[in-house]
């Protein structure tokens, strides 16, 4: 999704955010966004690990039958 925006689109988004939120709020918003992205990545990695474990478990059960 973000790969379709391009540089001009990103600049426009940043300018609009700067106008709406002001320069004082931008670092705080950036930190919050970064924390949210990190938390999402951790959660998705945990879910992926659980799915891989279940698949490996099912494969072992099928191979022993």
PDB file of N, CA and C in Angstrom:
ATOM      1  N   UNK A   1       0.818  -1.191   0.000  1.00  0.00           N
ATOM      2  CA  UNK A   1       0.000   0.000   0.000  1.00  0.00           C
ATOM      3  C   UNK A   1       0.858   1.250   0.000  1.00  0.00           C
ATOM      4  N   UNK A   2       1.827   1.321   0.900  1.00  0.00           N
ATOM      5  CA  UNK A   2       2.662   2.509   0.967  1.00  0.00           C
ATOM      6  C   UNK A   2       3.617   2.626  -0.210  1.00  0.00           C
ATOM      7  N   UNK A   3       3.899   1.504  -0.876  1.00  0.00           N
ATOM      8  CA  UNK A   3       4.815   1.561  -2.009  1.00  0.00           C
ATOM      9  C   UNK A   3       4.202   2.308  -3.200  1.00  0.00           C
ATOM     10  N   UNK A   4       2.898   2.471  -3.219  1.00  0.00           N
ATOM     11  CA  UNK A   4       2.227   3.163  -4.313  1.00  0.00           C
ATOM     12  C   UNK A   4       2.200   4.676  -4.115  1.00  0.00           C
ATOM     13  N   UNK A   5       2.546   5.163  -2.943  1.00  0.00           N
ATOM     14  CA  UNK A   5       2.431   6.592  -2.655  1.00  0.00           C
ATOM     15  C   UNK A   5       3.519   7.383  -3.368  1.00  0.00           C
ATOM     16  N   UNK A   6       4.756   7.002  -3.222  1.00  0.00           N
ATOM     17  CA  UNK A   6       5.858   7.712  -3.852  1.00  0.00           C
ATOM     18  C   UNK A   6       6.307   8.914  -3.029  1.00  0.00           C
ATOM     19  N   UNK A   7       7.365   9.537  -3.469  1.00  0.00           N
ATOM     20  CA  UNK A   7       7.960  10.666  -2.750  1.00  0.00           C
ATOM     21  C   UNK A   7       7.036  11.885  -2.724  1.00  0.00           C
ATOM     22  N   UNK A   8       6.459  12.302  -3.845  1.00  0.00           N
ATOM     23  CA  UNK A   8       5.571  13.479  -3.774  1.00  0.00           C
ATOM     24  C   UNK A   8       4.382  13.269  -2.836  1.00  0.00           C
ATOM     25  N   UNK A   9       3.831  12.076  -2.831  1.00  0.00           N
ATOM     26  CA  UNK A   9       2.711  11.772  -1.944  1.00  0.00           C
ATOM     27  C   UNK A   9       3.121  11.821  -0.478  1.00  0.00           C
ATOM     28  N   UNK A  10       4.299  11.290  -0.178  1.00  0.00           N
ATOM     29  CA  UNK A  10       4.797  11.314   1.203  1.00  0.00           C
ATOM     30  C   UNK A  10       5.038  12.747   1.659  1.00  0.00           C
ATOM     31  N   UNK A  11       5.597  13.571   0.789  1.00  0.00           N
ATOM     32  CA  UNK A  11       5.827  14.975   1.134  1.00  0.00           C
ATOM     33  C   UNK A  11       4.498  15.673   1.408  1.00  0.00           C
ATOM     34  N   UNK A  12       3.504  15.418   0.586  1.00  0.00           N
ATOM     35  CA  UNK A  12       2.181  16.014   0.784  1.00  0.00           C
ATOM     36  C   UNK A  12       1.579  15.583   2.115  1.00  0.00           C
ATOM     37  N   UNK A  13       1.684  14.301   2.436  1.00  0.00           N
ATOM     38  CA  UNK A  13       1.168  13.797   3.713  1.00  0.00           C
ATOM     39  C   UNK A  13       1.876  14.472   4.880  1.00  0.00           C
ATOM     40  N   UNK A  14       3.198  14.597   4.805  1.00  0.00           N
ATOM     41  CA  UNK A  14       3.945  15.245   5.885  1.00  0.00           C
ATOM     42  C   UNK A  14       3.570  16.716   6.042  1.00  0.00           C
ATOM     43  N   UNK A  15       3.384  17.420   4.942  1.00  0.00           N
ATOM     44  CA  UNK A  15       3.002  18.832   5.002  1.00  0.00           C
ATOM     45  C   UNK A  15       1.619  18.984   5.629  1.00  0.00           C
ATOM     46  N   UNK A  16       0.680  18.138   5.227  1.00  0.00           N
ATOM     47  CA  UNK A  16      -0.668  18.196   5.796  1.00  0.00           C
ATOM     48  C   UNK A  16      -0.625  17.876   7.295  1.00  0.00           C
ATOM     49  N   UNK A  17       0.137  16.854   7.676  1.00  0.00           N
ATOM     50  CA  UNK A  17       0.258  16.511   9.090  1.00  0.00           C
ATOM     51  C   UNK A  17       0.889  17.655   9.876  1.00  0.00           C
ATOM     52  N   UNK A  18       1.879  18.307   9.298  1.00  0.00           N
ATOM     53  CA  UNK A  18       2.524  19.437   9.959  1.00  0.00           C
ATOM     54  C   UNK A  18       1.539  20.584  10.162  1.00  0.00           C
ATOM     55  N   UNK A  19       0.707  20.834   9.169  1.00  0.00           N
ATOM     56  CA  UNK A  19      -0.286  21.899   9.279  1.00  0.00           C
ATOM     57  C   UNK A  19      -1.353  21.541  10.316  1.00  0.00           C
ATOM     58  N   UNK A  20      -1.812  20.303  10.292  1.00  0.00           N
ATOM     59  CA  UNK A  20      -2.899  19.889  11.187  1.00  0.00           C
ATOM     60  C   UNK A  20      -2.424  19.796  12.637  1.00  0.00           C
ATOM     61  N   UNK A  21      -1.281  19.151  12.865  1.00  0.00           N
ATOM     62  CA  UNK A  21      -0.837  18.882  14.232  1.00  0.00           C
ATOM     63  C   UNK A  21       0.153  19.905  14.767  1.00  0.00           C
ATOM     64  N   UNK A  22       0.842  20.601  13.908  1.00  0.00           N
ATOM     65  CA  UNK A  22       1.834  21.578  14.357  1.00  0.00           C
ATOM     66  C   UNK A  22       3.186  20.936  14.597  1.00  0.00           C
ATOM     67  N   UNK A  23       4.242  21.729  14.581  1.00  0.00           N
ATOM     68  CA  UNK A  23       5.598  21.181  14.715  1.00  0.00           C
ATOM     69  C   UNK A  23       5.894  20.615  16.106  1.00  0.00           C
ATOM     70  N   UNK A  24       5.207  21.085  17.138  1.00  0.00           N
ATOM     71  CA  UNK A  24       5.478  20.594  18.485  1.00  0.00           C
ATOM     72  C   UNK A  24       4.973  19.164  18.683  1.00  0.00           C
ATOM     73  N   UNK A  25       3.887  18.810  18.032  1.00  0.00           N
ATOM     74  CA  UNK A  25       3.285  17.486  18.200  1.00  0.00           C
ATOM     75  C   UNK A  25       3.897  16.418  17.301  1.00  0.00           C
ATOM     76  N   UNK A  26       4.590  16.816  16.254  1.00  0.00           N
ATOM     77  CA  UNK A  26       5.098  15.849  15.276  1.00  0.00           C
ATOM     78  C   UNK A  26       6.040  14.805  15.885  1.00  0.00           C
ATOM     79  N   UNK A  27       7.021  15.162  16.727  1.00  0.00           N
ATOM     80  CA  UNK A  27       7.887  14.121  17.305  1.00  0.00           C
ATOM     81  C   UNK A  27       7.099  13.123  18.163  1.00  0.00           C
ATOM     82  N   UNK A  28       6.130  13.625  18.916  1.00  0.00           N
ATOM     83  CA  UNK A  28       5.314  12.749  19.754  1.00  0.00           C
ATOM     84  C   UNK A  28       4.501  11.782  18.897  1.00  0.00           C
ATOM     85  N   UNK A  29       3.941  12.271  17.827  1.00  0.00           N
ATOM     86  CA  UNK A  29       3.159  11.430  16.922  1.00  0.00           C
ATOM     87  C   UNK A  29       4.063  10.402  16.252  1.00  0.00           C
ATOM     88  N   UNK A  30       5.261  10.802  15.873  1.00  0.00           N
ATOM     89  CA  UNK A  30       6.210   9.873  15.262  1.00  0.00           C
ATOM     90  C   UNK A  30       6.604   8.750  16.211  1.00  0.00           C
ATOM     91  N   UNK A  31       6.851   9.104  17.473  1.00  0.00           N
ATOM     92  CA  UNK A  31       7.191   8.077  18.461  1.00  0.00           C
ATOM     93  C   UNK A  31       6.031   7.108  18.671  1.00  0.00           C
ATOM     94  N   UNK A  32       4.830   7.639  18.777  1.00  0.00           N
ATOM     95  CA  UNK A  32       3.661   6.782  18.972  1.00  0.00           C
ATOM     96  C   UNK A  32       3.456   5.854  17.771  1.00  0.00           C
ATOM     97  N   UNK A  33       3.648   6.375  16.584  1.00  0.00           N
ATOM     98  CA  UNK A  33       3.515   5.554  15.381  1.00  0.00           C
ATOM     99  C   UNK A  33       4.578   4.458  15.356  1.00  0.00           C
ATOM    100  N   UNK A  34       5.805   4.812  15.716  1.00  0.00           N
ATOM    101  CA  UNK A  34       6.884   3.823  15.762  1.00  0.00           C
ATOM    102  C   UNK A  34       6.602   2.718  16.766  1.00  0.00           C
ATOM    103  N   UNK A  35       6.111   3.088  17.954  1.00  0.00           N
ATOM    104  CA  UNK A  35       5.758   2.088  18.965  1.00  0.00           C
ATOM    105  C   UNK A  35       4.646   1.173  18.463  1.00  0.00           C
ATOM    106  N   UNK A  36       3.667   1.752  17.810  1.00  0.00           N
ATOM    107  CA  UNK A  36       2.547   0.954  17.294  1.00  0.00           C
ATOM    108  C   UNK A  36       3.020  -0.037  16.239  1.00  0.00           C
ATOM    109  N   UNK A  37       3.886   0.405  15.358  1.00  0.00           N
ATOM    110  CA  UNK A  37       4.404  -0.481  14.307  1.00  0.00           C
ATOM    111  C   UNK A  37       5.223  -1.610  14.918  1.00  0.00           C
ATOM    112  N   UNK A  38       6.080  -1.281  15.901  1.00  0.00           N
ATOM    113  CA  UNK A  38       6.879  -2.326  16.562  1.00  0.00           C
ATOM    114  C   UNK A  38       5.986  -3.347  17.256  1.00  0.00           C
ATOM    115  N   UNK A  39       4.959  -2.882  17.952  1.00  0.00           N
ATOM    116  CA  UNK A  39       4.048  -3.790  18.641  1.00  0.00           C
ATOM    117  C   UNK A  39       3.298  -4.681  17.647  1.00  0.00           C
ATOM    118  N   UNK A  40       2.883  -4.116  16.536  1.00  0.00           N
ATOM    119  CA  UNK A  40       2.211  -4.907  15.505  1.00  0.00           C
ATOM    120  C   UNK A  40       3.145  -5.977  14.948  1.00  0.00           C
ATOM    121  N   UNK A  41       4.401  -5.615  14.704  1.00  0.00           N
ATOM    122  CA  UNK A  41       5.369  -6.589  14.182  1.00  0.00           C
ATOM    123  C   UNK A  41       5.590  -7.715  15.181  1.00  0.00           C
ATOM    124  N   UNK A  42       5.730  -7.374  16.466  1.00  0.00           N
ATOM    125  CA  UNK A  42       5.915  -8.415  17.489  1.00  0.00           C
ATOM    126  C   UNK A  42       4.728  -9.359  17.527  1.00  0.00           C
ATOM    127  N   UNK A  43       3.533  -8.800  17.486  1.00  0.00           N
ATOM    128  CA  UNK A  43       2.333  -9.634  17.531  1.00  0.00           C
ATOM    129  C   UNK A  43       2.239 -10.528  16.304  1.00  0.00           C
ATOM    130  N   UNK A  44       2.540  -9.990  15.139  1.00  0.00           N
ATOM    131  CA  UNK A  44       2.448 -10.801  13.926  1.00  0.00           C
ATOM    132  C   UNK A  44       3.540 -11.871  13.896  1.00  0.00           C
ATOM    133  N   UNK A  45       4.719 -11.578  14.429  1.00  0.00           N
ATOM    134  CA  UNK A  45       5.777 -12.590  14.495  1.00  0.00           C
ATOM    135  C   UNK A  45       5.387 -13.707  15.449  1.00  0.00           C
ATOM    136  N   UNK A  46       4.774 -13.347  16.576  1.00  0.00           N
ATOM    137  CA  UNK A  46       4.317 -14.363  17.523  1.00  0.00           C
ATOM    138  C   UNK A  46       3.262 -15.262  16.905  1.00  0.00           C
ATOM    139  N   UNK A  47       2.343 -14.677  16.181  1.00  0.00           N
ATOM    140  CA  UNK A  47       1.300 -15.454  15.518  1.00  0.00           C
ATOM    141  C   UNK A  47       1.906 -16.359  14.452  1.00  0.00           C
ATOM    142  N   UNK A  48       2.853 -15.847  13.695  1.00  0.00           N
ATOM    143  CA  UNK A  48       3.522 -16.643  12.662  1.00  0.00           C
ATOM    144  C   UNK A  48       4.264 -17.822  13.291  1.00  0.00           C
ATOM    145  N   UNK A  49       4.933 -17.577  14.419  1.00  0.00           N
ATOM    146  CA  UNK A  49       5.645 -18.667  15.100  1.00  0.00           C
ATOM    147  C   UNK A  49       4.677 -19.751  15.561  1.00  0.00           C
ATOM    148  N   UNK A  50       3.533 -19.357  16.099  1.00  0.00           N
ATOM    149  CA  UNK A  50       2.547 -20.340  16.551  1.00  0.00           C
ATOM    150  C   UNK A  50       2.030 -21.171  15.382  1.00  0.00           C
ATOM    151  N   UNK A  51       1.777 -20.529  14.266  1.00  0.00           N
ATOM    152  CA  UNK A  51       1.284 -21.253  13.094  1.00  0.00           C
ATOM    153  C   UNK A  51       2.337 -22.235  12.591  1.00  0.00           C
ATOM    154  N   UNK A  52       3.593 -21.802  12.564  1.00  0.00           N
ATOM    155  CA  UNK A  52       4.677 -22.694  12.125  1.00  0.00           C
ATOM    156  C   UNK A  52       4.805 -23.896  13.050  1.00  0.00           C
ATOM    157  N   UNK A  53       4.666 -23.685  14.359  1.00  0.00           N
ATOM    158  CA  UNK A  53       4.751 -24.788  15.323  1.00  0.00           C
ATOM    159  C   UNK A  53       3.619 -25.780  15.091  1.00  0.00           C
ATOM    160  N   UNK A  54       2.415 -25.273  14.860  1.00  0.00           N
ATOM    161  CA  UNK A  54       1.273 -26.154  14.612  1.00  0.00           C
ATOM    162  C   UNK A  54       1.470 -26.960  13.326  1.00  0.00           C
ATOM    163  N   UNK A  55       1.993 -26.323  12.303  1.00  0.00           N
ATOM    164  CA  UNK A  55       2.239 -27.030  11.036  1.00  0.00           C
ATOM    165  C   UNK A  55       3.289 -28.111  11.238  1.00  0.00           C
ATOM    166  N   UNK A  56       4.360 -27.785  11.961  1.00  0.00           N
ATOM    167  CA  UNK A  56       5.404 -28.767  12.225  1.00  0.00           C
ATOM    168  C   UNK A  56       4.852 -29.923  13.053  1.00  0.00           C
ATOM    169  N   UNK A  57       4.012 -29.609  14.017  1.00  0.00           N
ATOM    170  CA  UNK A  57       3.401 -30.643  14.853  1.00  0.00           C
ATOM    171  C   UNK A  57       2.527 -31.562  14.011  1.00  0.00           C
ATOM    172  N   UNK A  58       1.721 -30.995  13.128  1.00  0.00           N
ATOM    173  CA  UNK A  58       0.860 -31.789  12.252  1.00  0.00           C
ATOM    174  C   UNK A  58       1.688 -32.662  11.312  1.00  0.00           C
ATOM    175  N   UNK A  59       2.797 -32.116  10.791  1.00  0.00           N
ATOM    176  CA  UNK A  59       3.668 -32.895   9.904  1.00  0.00           C
ATOM    177  C   UNK A  59       4.269 -34.087  10.650  1.00  0.00           C
ATOM    178  N   UNK A  60       4.700 -33.872  11.872  1.00  0.00           N
ATOM    179  CA  UNK A  60       5.277 -34.972  12.666  1.00  0.00           C
ATOM    180  C   UNK A  60       4.231 -36.045  12.933  1.00  0.00           C
ATOM    181  N   UNK A  61       3.011 -35.633  13.237  1.00  0.00           N
ATOM    182  CA  UNK A  61       1.943 -36.600  13.504  1.00  0.00           C
ATOM    183  C   UNK A  61       1.621 -37.400  12.245  1.00  0.00           C
ATOM    184  N   UNK A  62       1.626 -36.771  11.095  1.00  0.00           N
ATOM    185  CA  UNK A  62       1.316 -37.481   9.846  1.00  0.00           C
ATOM    186  C   UNK A  62       2.449 -38.423   9.450  1.00  0.00           C
ATOM    187  N   UNK A  63       3.688 -38.024   9.761  1.00  0.00           N
ATOM    188  CA  UNK A  63       4.826 -38.873   9.401  1.00  0.00           C
ATOM    189  C   UNK A  63       4.947 -40.084  10.297  1.00  0.00           C
ATOM    190  N   UNK A  64       4.425 -40.024  11.512  1.00  0.00           N
ATOM    191  CA  UNK A  64       4.516 -41.156  12.422  1.00  0.00           C
ATOM    192  C   UNK A  64       3.391 -42.160  12.198  1.00  0.00           C
ATOM    193  N   UNK A  65       2.375 -41.803  11.433  1.00  0.00           N
ATOM    194  CA  UNK A  65       1.248 -42.718  11.175  1.00  0.00           C
ATOM    195  C   UNK A  65       1.532 -43.644  10.056  1.00  0.00           C
TER     196      UNK A  65
END
